[in-house]
Amino acid sequence: MGGSPGRQFSLLKRAMASGEVVRIHRGLYCLAAKYMRHKVDPLVLAQRIYGPGYISLETALSWHGWIPEAVYATTSVSLDRSREIDTPLGHFSFTRVPQTTFYAEVFRVETNGSGSFLLASPLKALVDYVYVHHCDWTSARPVVESLRVDEGLLSGVDATAVDRLLANYASRRVRRFLQGLRRDLRR
């Protein structure tokens, strides 16, 4: 689109009024579903709505197959303050979790043509869950009972990843959980 910023905004407003463009969030728009080749991936969209951040908590645990429940909100961890954002494409939750190295145990995932997103490892998503939900867990047992995580998945956790995350979080609650998990992994 050429022209002045005023002309561009007026064209955008006209496209929104006709239903050709949907406003996602302030300054972020997408084509209406009938004009898109691929559906917008909410995990990719979360990275554009509010950041910097990465997909974590229940969304990451579900993506990795660690929890059996369906997740209806896209949950992310952010460097900035916590907030909830409702959009026409879904509900997005961003939570601040203080850490020494923000992107420790976070990986980039490429999608089929719609972009990429940053995703926490299952262990980091679990640790973020413990922090955000104030869980006073000191072993793997509550993870299996409360979240219904398969014990086989927990036994496959790498002890070095536990140590890296132990050095990454200052929260006593998180550190107690990671120390208890490390003890359980040695058995």
N, C-alpha and C. Protein backbone atom coordinates (compact mmCIF):
# COMPACT_ATOMS: atom_id res chain seq x y z
N MET A 1 0.85 -1.18 0.00
CA MET A 1 0.00 0.00 0.00
C MET A 1 0.89 1.24 0.00
N GLY A 2 0.66 2.07 -0.94
CA GLY A 2 1.40 3.33 -1.00
C GLY A 2 0.60 4.44 -0.35
N GLY A 3 1.14 5.62 -0.41
CA GLY A 3 0.42 6.78 0.09
C GLY A 3 0.83 7.16 1.50
N SER A 4 0.15 8.17 1.99
CA SER A 4 0.46 8.69 3.32
C SER A 4 -0.06 7.74 4.40
N PRO A 5 0.46 7.89 5.63
CA PRO A 5 -0.04 7.06 6.73
C PRO A 5 -1.55 7.23 6.95
N GLY A 6 -2.06 8.44 6.75
CA GLY A 6 -3.50 8.67 6.89
C GLY A 6 -4.30 7.88 5.87
N ARG A 7 -3.81 7.86 4.64
CA ARG A 7 -4.49 7.10 3.57
C ARG A 7 -4.43 5.61 3.88
N GLN A 8 -3.29 5.13 4.35
CA GLN A 8 -3.15 3.70 4.68
C GLN A 8 -4.11 3.31 5.80
N PHE A 9 -4.21 4.17 6.83
CA PHE A 9 -5.11 3.86 7.94
C PHE A 9 -6.57 3.87 7.48
N SER A 10 -6.90 4.79 6.59
CA SER A 10 -8.27 4.84 6.09
C SER A 10 -8.61 3.60 5.27
N LEU A 11 -7.66 3.10 4.48
CA LEU A 11 -7.88 1.84 3.74
C LEU A 11 -8.03 0.67 4.71
N LEU A 12 -7.24 0.66 5.77
CA LEU A 12 -7.32 -0.40 6.77
C LEU A 12 -8.68 -0.37 7.47
N LYS A 13 -9.15 0.82 7.85
CA LYS A 13 -10.46 0.94 8.49
C LYS A 13 -11.57 0.46 7.56
N ARG A 14 -11.48 0.78 6.29
CA ARG A 14 -12.48 0.35 5.31
C ARG A 14 -12.45 -1.18 5.17
N ALA A 15 -11.26 -1.77 5.15
CA ALA A 15 -11.14 -3.24 5.04
C ALA A 15 -11.68 -3.92 6.29
N MET A 16 -11.49 -3.32 7.47
CA MET A 16 -12.05 -3.90 8.70
C MET A 16 -13.57 -3.80 8.69
N ALA A 17 -14.10 -2.68 8.23
CA ALA A 17 -15.56 -2.50 8.19
C ALA A 17 -16.21 -3.49 7.24
N SER A 18 -15.53 -3.82 6.14
CA SER A 18 -16.10 -4.77 5.18
C SER A 18 -15.85 -6.22 5.57
N GLY A 19 -15.06 -6.45 6.63
CA GLY A 19 -14.81 -7.82 7.08
C GLY A 19 -13.67 -8.52 6.36
N GLU A 20 -12.88 -7.78 5.59
CA GLU A 20 -11.75 -8.37 4.88
C GLU A 20 -10.53 -8.51 5.77
N VAL A 21 -10.42 -7.65 6.79
CA VAL A 21 -9.30 -7.64 7.72
C VAL A 21 -9.84 -7.68 9.14
N VAL A 22 -9.15 -8.41 10.01
CA VAL A 22 -9.55 -8.55 11.41
C VAL A 22 -8.46 -7.92 12.28
N ARG A 23 -8.88 -7.11 13.25
CA ARG A 23 -7.94 -6.51 14.19
C ARG A 23 -7.68 -7.52 15.30
N ILE A 24 -6.41 -7.91 15.47
CA ILE A 24 -6.03 -8.86 16.50
C ILE A 24 -5.73 -8.13 17.80
N HIS A 25 -4.88 -7.15 17.70
CA HIS A 25 -4.44 -6.37 18.86
C HIS A 25 -3.96 -5.03 18.31
N ARG A 26 -3.73 -4.08 19.17
CA ARG A 26 -3.29 -2.76 18.73
C ARG A 26 -2.10 -2.87 17.78
N GLY A 27 -2.27 -2.41 16.55
CA GLY A 27 -1.20 -2.43 15.55
C GLY A 27 -0.98 -3.77 14.88
N LEU A 28 -1.83 -4.75 15.18
CA LEU A 28 -1.66 -6.10 14.61
C LEU A 28 -2.97 -6.55 13.98
N TYR A 29 -2.92 -6.85 12.68
CA TYR A 29 -4.10 -7.21 11.92
C TYR A 29 -3.80 -8.45 11.09
N CYS A 30 -4.86 -9.14 10.67
CA CYS A 30 -4.68 -10.25 9.73
C CYS A 30 -5.88 -10.28 8.78
N LEU A 31 -5.72 -10.99 7.69
CA LEU A 31 -6.81 -11.14 6.75
C LEU A 31 -7.91 -11.98 7.38
N ALA A 32 -9.13 -11.78 6.95
CA ALA A 32 -10.24 -12.61 7.41
C ALA A 32 -10.00 -14.05 6.95
N ALA A 33 -10.58 -15.00 7.65
CA ALA A 33 -10.33 -16.43 7.40
C ALA A 33 -10.59 -16.82 5.94
N LYS A 34 -11.62 -16.23 5.32
CA LYS A 34 -11.94 -16.64 3.94
C LYS A 34 -10.89 -16.18 2.93
N TYR A 35 -10.01 -15.27 3.31
CA TYR A 35 -8.97 -14.78 2.40
C TYR A 35 -7.59 -15.39 2.66
N MET A 36 -7.47 -16.21 3.68
CA MET A 36 -6.16 -16.78 4.04
C MET A 36 -5.98 -18.18 3.45
N ARG A 37 -4.76 -18.49 3.07
CA ARG A 37 -4.43 -19.83 2.59
C ARG A 37 -4.26 -20.81 3.74
N HIS A 38 -3.63 -20.32 4.83
CA HIS A 38 -3.37 -21.13 6.01
C HIS A 38 -4.01 -20.46 7.22
N LYS A 39 -4.51 -21.28 8.11
CA LYS A 39 -5.06 -20.75 9.36
C LYS A 39 -3.92 -20.18 10.20
N VAL A 40 -4.19 -19.11 10.92
CA VAL A 40 -3.17 -18.49 11.77
C VAL A 40 -2.93 -19.41 12.97
N ASP A 41 -1.67 -19.75 13.19
CA ASP A 41 -1.30 -20.60 14.32
C ASP A 41 -1.26 -19.73 15.57
N PRO A 42 -2.05 -20.07 16.62
CA PRO A 42 -2.06 -19.24 17.82
C PRO A 42 -0.70 -19.18 18.52
N LEU A 43 0.13 -20.21 18.36
CA LEU A 43 1.45 -20.20 19.00
C LEU A 43 2.36 -19.18 18.33
N VAL A 44 2.26 -19.06 17.02
CA VAL A 44 3.02 -18.05 16.28
C VAL A 44 2.47 -16.66 16.60
N LEU A 45 1.16 -16.56 16.66
CA LEU A 45 0.51 -15.28 16.93
C LEU A 45 0.87 -14.74 18.32
N ALA A 46 0.98 -15.63 19.30
CA ALA A 46 1.32 -15.21 20.66
C ALA A 46 2.65 -14.46 20.70
N GLN A 47 3.59 -14.88 19.88
CA GLN A 47 4.90 -14.23 19.83
C GLN A 47 4.80 -12.81 19.27
N ARG A 48 3.80 -12.56 18.44
CA ARG A 48 3.63 -11.24 17.83
C ARG A 48 2.79 -10.31 18.69
N ILE A 49 1.91 -10.87 19.50
CA ILE A 49 1.00 -10.04 20.30
C ILE A 49 1.75 -9.34 21.42
N TYR A 50 2.57 -10.09 22.14
CA TYR A 50 3.19 -9.53 23.34
C TYR A 50 4.51 -10.23 23.56
N GLY A 51 5.56 -9.50 23.69
CA GLY A 51 6.84 -10.15 23.88
C GLY A 51 7.86 -9.19 24.45
N PRO A 52 9.06 -9.65 24.61
CA PRO A 52 9.57 -10.98 24.26
C PRO A 52 9.04 -12.05 25.20
N GLY A 53 8.94 -13.24 24.67
CA GLY A 53 8.44 -14.34 25.48
C GLY A 53 8.57 -15.66 24.76
N TYR A 54 8.05 -16.70 25.39
CA TYR A 54 8.05 -18.04 24.81
C TYR A 54 6.82 -18.79 25.30
N ILE A 55 6.37 -19.75 24.52
CA ILE A 55 5.22 -20.57 24.86
C ILE A 55 5.63 -21.50 26.00
N SER A 56 4.83 -21.55 27.05
CA SER A 56 5.18 -22.36 28.22
C SER A 56 3.90 -22.80 28.93
N LEU A 57 4.07 -23.23 30.18
CA LEU A 57 2.98 -23.62 31.06
C LEU A 57 2.12 -24.71 30.40
N GLU A 58 0.80 -24.63 30.55
CA GLU A 58 -0.08 -25.69 30.08
C GLU A 58 0.00 -25.89 28.57
N THR A 59 0.16 -24.80 27.82
CA THR A 59 0.22 -24.92 26.35
C THR A 59 1.44 -25.75 25.93
N ALA A 60 2.59 -25.47 26.50
CA ALA A 60 3.80 -26.23 26.16
C ALA A 60 3.70 -27.68 26.64
N LEU A 61 3.18 -27.88 27.84
CA LEU A 61 3.04 -29.24 28.35
C LEU A 61 2.10 -30.06 27.46
N SER A 62 1.04 -29.44 26.98
CA SER A 62 0.12 -30.12 26.07
C SER A 62 0.78 -30.37 24.71
N TRP A 63 1.52 -29.39 24.18
CA TRP A 63 2.20 -29.54 22.89
C TRP A 63 3.19 -30.70 22.93
N HIS A 64 3.90 -30.84 24.05
CA HIS A 64 4.87 -31.93 24.20
C HIS A 64 4.19 -33.27 24.51
N GLY A 65 2.89 -33.26 24.80
CA GLY A 65 2.18 -34.49 25.11
C GLY A 65 2.33 -34.92 26.56
N TRP A 66 2.67 -34.00 27.43
CA TRP A 66 2.87 -34.35 28.85
C TRP A 66 1.58 -34.33 29.64
N ILE A 67 0.59 -33.53 29.23
CA ILE A 67 -0.68 -33.54 29.94
C ILE A 67 -1.78 -33.93 28.96
N PRO A 68 -2.77 -34.68 29.44
CA PRO A 68 -3.81 -35.17 28.53
C PRO A 68 -4.93 -34.16 28.25
N GLU A 69 -5.06 -33.13 29.06
CA GLU A 69 -6.17 -32.20 28.91
C GLU A 69 -5.98 -31.28 27.71
N ALA A 70 -7.11 -30.87 27.15
CA ALA A 70 -7.09 -29.86 26.09
C ALA A 70 -6.84 -28.50 26.74
N VAL A 71 -6.11 -27.66 26.04
CA VAL A 71 -5.80 -26.32 26.55
C VAL A 71 -6.48 -25.32 25.64
N TYR A 72 -7.28 -24.43 26.22
CA TYR A 72 -8.07 -23.51 25.42
C TYR A 72 -7.47 -22.11 25.34
N ALA A 73 -6.53 -21.80 26.20
CA ALA A 73 -5.83 -20.51 26.15
C ALA A 73 -4.39 -20.77 25.77
N THR A 74 -3.78 -19.86 25.05
CA THR A 74 -2.37 -19.97 24.71
C THR A 74 -1.60 -19.27 25.81
N THR A 75 -0.79 -20.05 26.55
CA THR A 75 -0.07 -19.51 27.71
C THR A 75 1.40 -19.31 27.37
N SER A 76 1.91 -18.15 27.74
CA SER A 76 3.30 -17.79 27.48
C SER A 76 3.92 -17.19 28.72
N VAL A 77 5.25 -17.24 28.74
CA VAL A 77 6.02 -16.55 29.78
C VAL A 77 6.64 -15.35 29.11
N SER A 78 6.62 -14.22 29.81
CA SER A 78 7.09 -12.96 29.24
C SER A 78 8.10 -12.29 30.15
N LEU A 79 8.93 -11.44 29.57
CA LEU A 79 9.84 -10.62 30.35
C LEU A 79 9.12 -9.42 30.96
N ASP A 80 8.08 -8.99 30.30
CA ASP A 80 7.33 -7.82 30.74
C ASP A 80 6.24 -8.23 31.72
N ARG A 81 5.43 -7.29 32.16
CA ARG A 81 4.41 -7.58 33.17
C ARG A 81 3.37 -8.58 32.64
N SER A 82 2.71 -9.27 33.56
CA SER A 82 1.70 -10.27 33.21
C SER A 82 0.45 -9.58 32.68
N ARG A 83 -0.20 -10.25 31.73
CA ARG A 83 -1.46 -9.74 31.20
C ARG A 83 -2.21 -10.81 30.43
N GLU A 84 -3.50 -10.61 30.30
CA GLU A 84 -4.39 -11.49 29.54
C GLU A 84 -4.92 -10.68 28.37
N ILE A 85 -4.97 -11.29 27.19
CA ILE A 85 -5.45 -10.58 26.00
C ILE A 85 -6.43 -11.49 25.27
N ASP A 86 -7.64 -10.98 25.07
CA ASP A 86 -8.64 -11.70 24.26
C ASP A 86 -8.62 -11.13 22.85
N THR A 87 -8.60 -12.02 21.87
CA THR A 87 -8.60 -11.61 20.48
C THR A 87 -9.67 -12.41 19.74
N PRO A 88 -9.99 -12.02 18.52
CA PRO A 88 -10.93 -12.83 17.74
C PRO A 88 -10.40 -14.24 17.43
N LEU A 89 -9.10 -14.43 17.59
CA LEU A 89 -8.50 -15.73 17.30
C LEU A 89 -8.19 -16.55 18.55
N GLY A 90 -8.61 -16.08 19.72
CA GLY A 90 -8.42 -16.85 20.94
C GLY A 90 -7.97 -16.01 22.12
N HIS A 91 -7.83 -16.70 23.25
CA HIS A 91 -7.41 -16.06 24.50
C HIS A 91 -5.92 -16.32 24.70
N PHE A 92 -5.18 -15.28 25.06
CA PHE A 92 -3.74 -15.37 25.25
C PHE A 92 -3.40 -14.88 26.65
N SER A 93 -2.58 -15.66 27.35
CA SER A 93 -2.17 -15.32 28.70
C SER A 93 -0.65 -15.20 28.73
N PHE A 94 -0.16 -14.09 29.26
CA PHE A 94 1.27 -13.83 29.35
C PHE A 94 1.61 -13.60 30.82
N THR A 95 2.55 -14.37 31.34
CA THR A 95 2.90 -14.30 32.74
C THR A 95 4.38 -14.02 32.89
N ARG A 96 4.73 -13.13 33.78
CA ARG A 96 6.13 -12.81 34.04
C ARG A 96 6.70 -13.83 35.01
N VAL A 97 7.83 -14.43 34.64
CA VAL A 97 8.54 -15.38 35.49
C VAL A 97 10.00 -14.93 35.54
N PRO A 98 10.46 -14.42 36.70
CA PRO A 98 11.85 -13.94 36.79
C PRO A 98 12.85 -15.10 36.70
N GLN A 99 13.88 -14.90 35.89
CA GLN A 99 14.90 -15.93 35.67
C GLN A 99 16.23 -15.25 35.41
N THR A 100 17.30 -16.01 35.60
CA THR A 100 18.64 -15.49 35.30
C THR A 100 18.85 -15.44 33.80
N THR A 101 18.63 -16.55 33.12
CA THR A 101 18.75 -16.64 31.68
C THR A 101 17.36 -16.96 31.12
N PHE A 102 16.73 -15.98 30.53
CA PHE A 102 15.33 -16.11 30.13
C PHE A 102 15.10 -17.24 29.12
N TYR A 103 15.98 -17.41 28.18
CA TYR A 103 15.76 -18.41 27.12
C TYR A 103 16.48 -19.74 27.37
N ALA A 104 16.86 -20.02 28.61
CA ALA A 104 17.45 -21.33 28.92
C ALA A 104 16.39 -22.40 28.73
N GLU A 105 16.73 -23.48 28.04
CA GLU A 105 15.82 -24.60 27.77
C GLU A 105 14.60 -24.16 26.94
N VAL A 106 14.80 -23.20 26.04
CA VAL A 106 13.75 -22.76 25.12
C VAL A 106 14.26 -23.02 23.71
N PHE A 107 13.37 -23.55 22.84
CA PHE A 107 13.75 -23.94 21.50
C PHE A 107 12.84 -23.29 20.47
N ARG A 108 13.38 -23.06 19.29
CA ARG A 108 12.62 -22.49 18.17
C ARG A 108 11.94 -23.64 17.41
N VAL A 109 10.65 -23.47 17.12
CA VAL A 109 9.88 -24.48 16.38
C VAL A 109 9.37 -23.84 15.10
N GLU A 110 9.67 -24.44 13.97
CA GLU A 110 9.18 -23.97 12.66
C GLU A 110 7.85 -24.64 12.37
N THR A 111 6.89 -23.87 11.85
CA THR A 111 5.59 -24.43 11.51
C THR A 111 5.47 -24.57 10.00
N ASN A 112 4.38 -25.16 9.56
CA ASN A 112 4.16 -25.37 8.13
C ASN A 112 3.74 -24.08 7.44
N GLY A 113 4.68 -23.25 7.11
CA GLY A 113 4.41 -22.06 6.33
C GLY A 113 3.89 -20.85 7.07
N SER A 114 3.52 -20.97 8.34
CA SER A 114 2.95 -19.81 9.02
C SER A 114 3.93 -19.13 9.97
N GLY A 115 5.17 -19.56 10.00
CA GLY A 115 6.17 -18.90 10.83
C GLY A 115 6.83 -19.83 11.82
N SER A 116 7.29 -19.25 12.91
CA SER A 116 7.95 -20.03 13.95
C SER A 116 7.61 -19.43 15.30
N PHE A 117 7.88 -20.19 16.35
CA PHE A 117 7.65 -19.71 17.70
C PHE A 117 8.68 -20.31 18.63
N LEU A 118 8.85 -19.69 19.79
CA LEU A 118 9.77 -20.18 20.80
C LEU A 118 8.97 -21.01 21.81
N LEU A 119 9.47 -22.20 22.13
CA LEU A 119 8.75 -23.14 22.98
C LEU A 119 9.66 -23.63 24.10
N ALA A 120 9.13 -23.63 25.31
CA ALA A 120 9.88 -24.15 26.46
C ALA A 120 9.96 -25.67 26.37
N SER A 121 11.06 -26.22 26.87
CA SER A 121 11.17 -27.67 26.98
C SER A 121 10.10 -28.13 27.98
N PRO A 122 9.74 -29.41 27.97
CA PRO A 122 8.72 -29.86 28.92
C PRO A 122 9.11 -29.59 30.38
N LEU A 123 10.38 -29.77 30.71
CA LEU A 123 10.82 -29.54 32.09
C LEU A 123 10.70 -28.06 32.45
N LYS A 124 11.12 -27.17 31.56
CA LYS A 124 11.02 -25.74 31.84
C LYS A 124 9.56 -25.32 31.95
N ALA A 125 8.69 -25.86 31.11
CA ALA A 125 7.26 -25.54 31.20
C ALA A 125 6.70 -26.00 32.54
N LEU A 126 7.16 -27.15 33.01
CA LEU A 126 6.73 -27.67 34.31
C LEU A 126 7.23 -26.76 35.44
N VAL A 127 8.46 -26.32 35.35
CA VAL A 127 9.04 -25.44 36.36
C VAL A 127 8.31 -24.08 36.36
N ASP A 128 8.01 -23.56 35.18
CA ASP A 128 7.23 -22.32 35.09
C ASP A 128 5.85 -22.51 35.72
N TYR A 129 5.26 -23.68 35.50
CA TYR A 129 3.95 -24.00 36.09
C TYR A 129 4.03 -23.96 37.63
N VAL A 130 5.08 -24.57 38.17
CA VAL A 130 5.27 -24.58 39.62
C VAL A 130 5.38 -23.14 40.14
N TYR A 131 6.12 -22.30 39.44
CA TYR A 131 6.29 -20.91 39.87
C TYR A 131 4.97 -20.15 39.79
N VAL A 132 4.31 -20.21 38.66
CA VAL A 132 3.11 -19.41 38.43
C VAL A 132 1.95 -19.83 39.33
N HIS A 133 1.79 -21.13 39.53
CA HIS A 133 0.65 -21.64 40.31
C HIS A 133 0.98 -21.85 41.79
N HIS A 134 2.16 -21.39 42.22
CA HIS A 134 2.57 -21.46 43.63
C HIS A 134 2.46 -22.88 44.20
N CYS A 135 2.91 -23.85 43.44
CA CYS A 135 2.86 -25.25 43.87
C CYS A 135 4.00 -25.53 44.85
N ASP A 136 3.69 -26.07 46.00
CA ASP A 136 4.71 -26.43 46.98
C ASP A 136 5.05 -27.91 46.85
N TRP A 137 5.54 -28.27 45.68
CA TRP A 137 5.89 -29.66 45.39
C TRP A 137 7.35 -29.88 45.70
N THR A 138 7.67 -31.01 46.32
CA THR A 138 9.06 -31.33 46.64
C THR A 138 9.49 -32.66 46.02
N SER A 139 8.67 -33.18 45.13
CA SER A 139 9.02 -34.44 44.45
C SER A 139 8.22 -34.53 43.15
N ALA A 140 8.39 -35.63 42.44
CA ALA A 140 7.68 -35.84 41.19
C ALA A 140 6.26 -36.35 41.42
N ARG A 141 5.97 -36.88 42.58
CA ARG A 141 4.66 -37.48 42.86
C ARG A 141 3.50 -36.53 42.58
N PRO A 142 3.50 -35.27 43.07
CA PRO A 142 2.37 -34.37 42.79
C PRO A 142 2.20 -34.07 41.30
N VAL A 143 3.30 -34.09 40.54
CA VAL A 143 3.22 -33.85 39.10
C VAL A 143 2.40 -34.95 38.46
N VAL A 144 2.66 -36.18 38.88
CA VAL A 144 1.94 -37.34 38.34
C VAL A 144 0.48 -37.30 38.79
N GLU A 145 0.24 -36.95 40.05
CA GLU A 145 -1.12 -36.97 40.59
C GLU A 145 -1.95 -35.76 40.14
N SER A 146 -1.38 -34.56 40.21
CA SER A 146 -2.15 -33.35 39.90
C SER A 146 -2.28 -33.10 38.40
N LEU A 147 -1.19 -33.18 37.70
CA LEU A 147 -1.20 -32.88 36.26
C LEU A 147 -1.41 -34.12 35.39
N ARG A 148 -1.35 -35.29 36.01
CA ARG A 148 -1.50 -36.58 35.31
C ARG A 148 -0.41 -36.77 34.23
N VAL A 149 0.81 -36.38 34.58
CA VAL A 149 1.96 -36.59 33.70
C VAL A 149 2.40 -38.04 33.86
N ASP A 150 2.68 -38.70 32.76
CA ASP A 150 3.13 -40.08 32.78
C ASP A 150 4.49 -40.18 33.46
N GLU A 151 4.65 -41.14 34.39
CA GLU A 151 5.91 -41.29 35.11
C GLU A 151 7.07 -41.60 34.17
N GLY A 152 6.79 -42.27 33.07
CA GLY A 152 7.84 -42.58 32.09
C GLY A 152 8.44 -41.34 31.47
N LEU A 153 7.60 -40.33 31.26
CA LEU A 153 8.10 -39.06 30.71
C LEU A 153 9.00 -38.36 31.71
N LEU A 154 8.62 -38.39 32.99
CA LEU A 154 9.45 -37.76 34.02
C LEU A 154 10.77 -38.49 34.20
N SER A 155 10.74 -39.81 34.09
CA SER A 155 11.99 -40.56 34.26
C SER A 155 12.97 -40.30 33.12
N GLY A 156 12.46 -39.79 32.00
CA GLY A 156 13.33 -39.48 30.87
C GLY A 156 13.95 -38.09 30.93
N VAL A 157 13.67 -37.34 32.00
CA VAL A 157 14.22 -36.00 32.15
C VAL A 157 15.73 -36.08 32.38
N ASP A 158 16.45 -35.24 31.68
CA ASP A 158 17.91 -35.21 31.77
C ASP A 158 18.33 -34.47 33.04
N ALA A 159 19.20 -35.08 33.84
CA ALA A 159 19.66 -34.48 35.10
C ALA A 159 20.42 -33.18 34.86
N THR A 160 21.12 -33.06 33.74
CA THR A 160 21.85 -31.82 33.46
C THR A 160 20.88 -30.67 33.19
N ALA A 161 19.72 -30.97 32.57
CA ALA A 161 18.71 -29.94 32.35
C ALA A 161 18.15 -29.47 33.69
N VAL A 162 17.97 -30.40 34.63
CA VAL A 162 17.51 -30.03 35.97
C VAL A 162 18.52 -29.09 36.61
N ASP A 163 19.80 -29.42 36.50
CA ASP A 163 20.85 -28.57 37.09
C ASP A 163 20.89 -27.19 36.44
N ARG A 164 20.73 -27.13 35.10
CA ARG A 164 20.73 -25.83 34.40
C ARG A 164 19.56 -24.96 34.89
N LEU A 165 18.40 -25.58 35.05
CA LEU A 165 17.24 -24.81 35.50
C LEU A 165 17.35 -24.45 36.97
N LEU A 166 17.98 -25.30 37.75
CA LEU A 166 18.19 -25.02 39.18
C LEU A 166 19.02 -23.74 39.34
N ALA A 167 20.00 -23.55 38.47
CA ALA A 167 20.83 -22.35 38.52
C ALA A 167 20.11 -21.14 37.93
N ASN A 168 19.01 -21.36 37.21
CA ASN A 168 18.33 -20.30 36.49
C ASN A 168 17.24 -19.59 37.30
N TYR A 169 16.69 -20.25 38.31
CA TYR A 169 15.57 -19.69 39.07
C TYR A 169 16.01 -19.38 40.50
N ALA A 170 15.59 -18.23 41.01
CA ALA A 170 15.92 -17.83 42.38
C ALA A 170 14.81 -18.22 43.36
N SER A 171 13.62 -18.53 42.86
CA SER A 171 12.49 -18.86 43.70
C SER A 171 12.76 -20.10 44.55
N ARG A 172 12.56 -19.98 45.86
CA ARG A 172 12.79 -21.13 46.76
C ARG A 172 11.85 -22.28 46.43
N ARG A 173 10.62 -21.96 46.10
CA ARG A 173 9.64 -22.98 45.77
C ARG A 173 10.09 -23.80 44.55
N VAL A 174 10.56 -23.12 43.52
CA VAL A 174 11.03 -23.78 42.31
C VAL A 174 12.29 -24.59 42.61
N ARG A 175 13.19 -24.04 43.40
CA ARG A 175 14.43 -24.74 43.72
C ARG A 175 14.14 -26.01 44.53
N ARG A 176 13.19 -25.94 45.49
CA ARG A 176 12.82 -27.14 46.26
C ARG A 176 12.24 -28.22 45.34
N PHE A 177 11.41 -27.78 44.40
CA PHE A 177 10.83 -28.74 43.46
C PHE A 177 11.91 -29.40 42.61
N LEU A 178 12.82 -28.61 42.06
CA LEU A 178 13.88 -29.16 41.20
C LEU A 178 14.82 -30.07 41.99
N GLN A 179 15.13 -29.72 43.23
CA GLN A 179 15.98 -30.59 44.06
C GLN A 179 15.27 -31.91 44.36
N GLY A 180 13.98 -31.85 44.65
CA GLY A 180 13.21 -33.08 44.89
C GLY A 180 13.10 -33.92 43.63
N LEU A 181 12.94 -33.28 42.49
CA LEU A 181 12.88 -34.00 41.22
C LEU A 181 14.21 -34.67 40.92
N ARG A 182 15.30 -33.97 41.17
CA ARG A 182 16.63 -34.54 40.95
C ARG A 182 16.84 -35.76 41.85
N ARG A 183 16.39 -35.68 43.11
CA ARG A 183 16.46 -36.83 44.02
C ARG A 183 15.67 -38.02 43.47
N ASP A 184 14.47 -37.73 42.97
CA ASP A 184 13.63 -38.81 42.42
C ASP A 184 14.24 -39.43 41.18
N LEU A 185 14.95 -38.65 40.39
CA LEU A 185 15.58 -39.17 39.16
C LEU A 185 16.74 -40.11 39.49
N ARG A 186 17.38 -39.91 40.61
CA ARG A 186 18.52 -40.76 41.00
C ARG A 186 18.06 -42.13 41.45
N ARG A 187 16.82 -42.27 41.87
CA ARG A 187 16.33 -43.55 42.38
C ARG A 187 16.10 -44.54 41.29
